[in-house]
Structures are given as structure tokens and as C-alpha cells.
Amino acid sequence: MKQLKPCNICGAEIAKYVCRNCGANVCENCYDKEKGICIRCEMH
């Protein structure tokens, strides 16, 4: 059974993705699907 984890950025949503750059577990709102990275990595 897969354990649901909160988003490492906002903490408000369930993490559905893993950033391929930093490895953060992030929700759909904090993830850029086209780039495969989280919004934190996208800003840097």
C-alpha cells in the first residue's frame, strides 16, 4: 500500500510527483509537468 505524503513545498496537497532535479515530493500545483521539476527548482 502506497503511503500518501504531503507536498514538500506547500504542505497543503498530496504529493503526486517527484522533482527530477532535487527529488522533492510535490503536488500538481507545485510541479511543472513539461519540465519535470518543482516550482522551487524552476525559480533557480
N, C-alpha and C. Protein backbone atom coordinates (compact mmCIF):
# COMPACT_ATOMS: atom_id res chain seq x y z
N MET A 1 0.83 -1.19 0.00
CA MET A 1 0.00 0.00 0.00
C MET A 1 0.88 1.25 0.00
N LYS A 2 0.62 2.15 -0.92
CA LYS A 2 1.39 3.36 -1.07
C LYS A 2 0.96 4.39 -0.03
N GLN A 3 1.93 4.95 0.68
CA GLN A 3 1.62 5.95 1.70
C GLN A 3 1.52 7.32 1.04
N LEU A 4 0.48 8.06 1.38
CA LEU A 4 0.29 9.40 0.84
C LEU A 4 1.15 10.39 1.62
N LYS A 5 1.90 11.19 0.88
CA LYS A 5 2.80 12.16 1.51
C LYS A 5 2.35 13.57 1.15
N PRO A 6 2.53 14.52 2.07
CA PRO A 6 2.19 15.90 1.75
C PRO A 6 3.26 16.51 0.84
N CYS A 7 2.87 17.51 0.11
CA CYS A 7 3.80 18.24 -0.76
C CYS A 7 4.90 18.87 0.08
N ASN A 8 6.16 18.72 -0.36
CA ASN A 8 7.30 19.30 0.36
C ASN A 8 7.38 20.81 0.23
N ILE A 9 6.63 21.39 -0.70
CA ILE A 9 6.68 22.84 -0.88
C ILE A 9 5.52 23.54 -0.17
N CYS A 10 4.29 23.18 -0.52
CA CYS A 10 3.13 23.86 0.07
C CYS A 10 2.58 23.16 1.30
N GLY A 11 2.74 21.85 1.38
CA GLY A 11 2.24 21.08 2.51
C GLY A 11 0.73 20.93 2.58
N ALA A 12 0.03 21.54 1.64
CA ALA A 12 -1.43 21.55 1.67
C ALA A 12 -2.06 20.43 0.85
N GLU A 13 -1.35 19.95 -0.14
CA GLU A 13 -1.88 18.93 -1.05
C GLU A 13 -1.06 17.65 -0.93
N ILE A 14 -1.61 16.57 -1.48
CA ILE A 14 -0.90 15.29 -1.51
C ILE A 14 0.12 15.31 -2.66
N ALA A 15 1.33 14.89 -2.37
CA ALA A 15 2.39 14.85 -3.39
C ALA A 15 2.11 13.72 -4.38
N LYS A 16 2.08 14.07 -5.66
CA LYS A 16 1.84 13.09 -6.72
C LYS A 16 3.05 12.94 -7.63
N TYR A 17 4.01 13.84 -7.50
CA TYR A 17 5.17 13.85 -8.39
C TYR A 17 6.46 13.95 -7.58
N VAL A 18 7.57 13.59 -8.21
CA VAL A 18 8.89 13.75 -7.63
C VAL A 18 9.71 14.59 -8.59
N CYS A 19 10.27 15.67 -8.09
CA CYS A 19 11.11 16.55 -8.92
C CYS A 19 12.35 15.78 -9.36
N ARG A 20 12.62 15.79 -10.66
CA ARG A 20 13.78 15.04 -11.16
C ARG A 20 15.09 15.79 -10.88
N ASN A 21 14.99 17.05 -10.47
CA ASN A 21 16.18 17.83 -10.17
C ASN A 21 16.61 17.69 -8.71
N CYS A 22 15.67 17.92 -7.77
CA CYS A 22 16.03 17.90 -6.34
C CYS A 22 15.45 16.73 -5.57
N GLY A 23 14.51 15.99 -6.17
CA GLY A 23 13.93 14.82 -5.50
C GLY A 23 12.78 15.12 -4.55
N ALA A 24 12.30 16.37 -4.53
CA ALA A 24 11.20 16.74 -3.64
C ALA A 24 9.90 16.06 -4.08
N ASN A 25 9.10 15.66 -3.10
CA ASN A 25 7.75 15.13 -3.36
C ASN A 25 6.82 16.33 -3.44
N VAL A 26 6.19 16.54 -4.58
CA VAL A 26 5.38 17.74 -4.78
C VAL A 26 4.01 17.45 -5.37
N CYS A 27 3.08 18.36 -5.10
CA CYS A 27 1.72 18.24 -5.64
C CYS A 27 1.67 18.80 -7.06
N GLU A 28 0.53 18.64 -7.67
CA GLU A 28 0.34 19.10 -9.05
C GLU A 28 0.54 20.61 -9.18
N ASN A 29 0.14 21.38 -8.16
CA ASN A 29 0.26 22.84 -8.20
C ASN A 29 1.70 23.32 -8.11
N CYS A 30 2.56 22.53 -7.51
CA CYS A 30 3.96 22.91 -7.29
C CYS A 30 4.91 22.20 -8.25
N TYR A 31 4.39 21.66 -9.35
CA TYR A 31 5.18 20.87 -10.29
C TYR A 31 4.95 21.34 -11.71
N ASP A 32 6.01 21.48 -12.47
CA ASP A 32 5.91 21.82 -13.89
C ASP A 32 6.03 20.52 -14.67
N LYS A 33 4.91 20.03 -15.18
CA LYS A 33 4.88 18.74 -15.88
C LYS A 33 5.75 18.72 -17.13
N GLU A 34 5.79 19.82 -17.85
CA GLU A 34 6.58 19.88 -19.09
C GLU A 34 8.07 19.74 -18.81
N LYS A 35 8.55 20.37 -17.74
CA LYS A 35 9.97 20.34 -17.41
C LYS A 35 10.34 19.19 -16.48
N GLY A 36 9.34 18.68 -15.75
CA GLY A 36 9.60 17.58 -14.81
C GLY A 36 10.27 18.02 -13.53
N ILE A 37 10.14 19.32 -13.21
CA ILE A 37 10.77 19.84 -12.00
C ILE A 37 9.76 20.63 -11.16
N CYS A 38 10.11 20.82 -9.89
CA CYS A 38 9.23 21.57 -9.00
C CYS A 38 9.39 23.07 -9.23
N ILE A 39 8.45 23.84 -8.69
CA ILE A 39 8.49 25.29 -8.89
C ILE A 39 9.67 25.94 -8.18
N ARG A 40 10.16 25.31 -7.11
CA ARG A 40 11.33 25.84 -6.40
C ARG A 40 12.56 25.76 -7.31
N CYS A 41 12.76 24.63 -7.98
CA CYS A 41 13.89 24.47 -8.89
C CYS A 41 13.72 25.35 -10.13
N GLU A 42 12.48 25.53 -10.54
CA GLU A 42 12.19 26.35 -11.72
C GLU A 42 12.60 27.80 -11.48
N MET A 43 12.50 28.26 -10.24
CA MET A 43 12.84 29.65 -9.91
C MET A 43 14.34 29.89 -9.84
N HIS A 44 15.12 28.82 -9.68
CA HIS A 44 16.58 28.99 -9.54
C HIS A 44 17.32 28.69 -10.80
